[in-house]
Amino acid sequence: MSEEQFYTIKNSVLHHIQELFEEMEEGLVMQHQEKYTLLEDSFESANEVGELRVAFEQWYRDHAEDIDLESTADELWSNALASAEDGISADFDEEDQYM
């Protein structure tokens, strides 16, 4: 096998694997966006923090395994509250704040 053939094969394999990984990443992004949208939808009927918590815990039970979260529902909830207390919040429209 010539050196040129060696590098052609090497680059072809690397390129093919890179394309596979990119396809997998696109699939994960879509799956995560779907799960996020489901969480947003579950929050729609909540009118108080307790209802948000219940909706979040239900969403977590339904989807945590699918998206392989490495934290418990309590840990995620606590981290989100800590961020809110520190004045860090997600970007949202002013209208969303009052809906």
Protein backbone atom coordinates (compact mmCIF):
# COMPACT_ATOMS: atom_id res chain seq x y z
CA MET A 1 0.00 0.00 0.00
CA SER A 2 1.37 3.36 -0.95
CA GLU A 3 1.65 6.24 1.47
CA GLU A 4 -0.96 8.13 -0.53
CA GLN A 5 -3.45 5.24 -0.23
CA PHE A 6 -2.74 5.01 3.50
CA TYR A 7 -3.56 8.68 4.06
CA THR A 8 -6.60 8.49 1.79
CA ILE A 9 -8.01 5.59 3.82
CA LYS A 10 -7.09 7.25 7.12
CA ASN A 11 -8.79 10.51 6.13
CA SER A 12 -11.83 8.70 4.74
CA VAL A 13 -12.36 6.80 7.99
CA LEU A 14 -11.89 9.94 10.09
CA HIS A 15 -14.27 11.90 7.88
CA HIS A 16 -16.90 9.16 8.00
CA ILE A 17 -16.75 8.91 11.80
CA GLN A 18 -16.90 12.70 12.11
CA GLU A 19 -20.06 12.73 9.98
CA LEU A 20 -21.61 10.01 12.16
CA PHE A 21 -20.84 12.00 15.32
CA GLU A 22 -22.34 15.14 13.80
CA GLU A 23 -25.52 13.24 12.92
CA MET A 24 -25.68 11.88 16.47
CA GLU A 25 -25.19 15.36 17.91
CA GLU A 26 -27.99 16.73 15.74
CA GLY A 27 -30.25 13.97 17.00
CA LEU A 28 -29.37 14.76 20.61
CA VAL A 29 -29.98 18.46 20.10
CA MET A 30 -33.41 17.73 18.67
CA GLN A 31 -34.22 15.30 21.48
CA HIS A 32 -33.12 17.78 24.14
CA GLN A 33 -35.12 20.59 22.54
CA GLU A 34 -38.20 18.36 22.53
CA LYS A 35 -37.73 17.56 26.23
CA TYR A 36 -37.21 21.25 27.02
CA THR A 37 -40.40 22.14 25.15
CA LEU A 38 -42.28 19.51 27.14
CA LEU A 39 -40.98 21.11 30.35
CA GLU A 40 -42.11 24.54 29.17
CA ASP A 41 -45.52 23.10 28.35
CA SER A 42 -45.80 21.45 31.76
CA PHE A 43 -45.14 24.83 33.41
CA GLU A 44 -47.97 26.53 31.48
CA SER A 45 -50.70 25.56 33.94
CA ALA A 46 -48.65 26.38 37.06
CA ASN A 47 -49.62 29.49 39.01
CA GLU A 48 -47.32 29.18 42.01
CA VAL A 49 -43.90 27.81 42.87
CA GLY A 50 -45.33 24.65 44.42
CA GLU A 51 -47.12 23.85 41.17
CA LEU A 52 -43.92 24.52 39.23
CA ARG A 53 -42.12 22.07 41.49
CA VAL A 54 -44.76 19.37 40.99
CA ALA A 55 -44.70 19.88 37.22
CA PHE A 56 -40.90 19.76 37.20
CA GLU A 57 -40.76 16.58 39.26
CA GLN A 58 -43.28 14.90 36.97
CA TRP A 59 -41.33 15.99 33.89
CA TYR A 60 -38.13 14.70 35.50
CA ARG A 61 -39.69 11.30 36.26
CA ASP A 62 -40.97 11.04 32.71
CA HIS A 63 -37.81 12.12 30.88
CA ALA A 64 -34.65 11.99 33.02
CA GLU A 65 -33.72 8.50 31.88
CA ASP A 66 -34.13 9.43 28.21
CA ILE A 67 -31.77 12.39 28.43
CA ASP A 68 -29.40 10.81 30.94
CA LEU A 69 -29.34 13.60 33.49
CA GLU A 70 -26.60 13.08 36.03
CA SER A 71 -28.37 15.02 38.78
CA THR A 72 -31.44 14.24 40.82
CA ALA A 73 -34.59 16.32 40.49
CA ASP A 74 -33.84 17.85 43.90
CA GLU A 75 -30.31 18.81 42.86
CA LEU A 76 -31.50 20.42 39.63
CA TRP A 77 -34.28 22.29 41.42
CA SER A 78 -31.89 23.50 44.14
CA ASN A 79 -29.32 24.65 41.59
CA ALA A 80 -31.98 26.56 39.67
CA LEU A 81 -33.20 28.25 42.85
CA ALA A 82 -29.63 29.12 43.83
CA SER A 83 -29.16 30.76 40.43
CA ALA A 84 -32.37 32.74 40.91
CA GLU A 85 -31.24 33.86 44.35
CA ASP A 86 -27.91 34.98 42.90
CA GLY A 87 -29.76 37.11 40.37
CA ILE A 88 -28.94 34.81 37.49
CA SER A 89 -31.93 34.01 35.35
CA ALA A 90 -32.64 32.70 31.90
CA ASP A 91 -33.25 35.15 29.10
CA PHE A 92 -36.95 35.72 28.58
CA ASP A 93 -39.20 38.41 27.18
CA GLU A 94 -40.67 40.87 29.62
CA GLU A 95 -44.10 39.58 28.58
CA ASP A 96 -43.17 36.07 29.73
CA GLN A 97 -42.51 37.37 33.22
CA TYR A 98 -46.15 38.29 33.68
CA MET A 99 -47.85 35.41 31.88
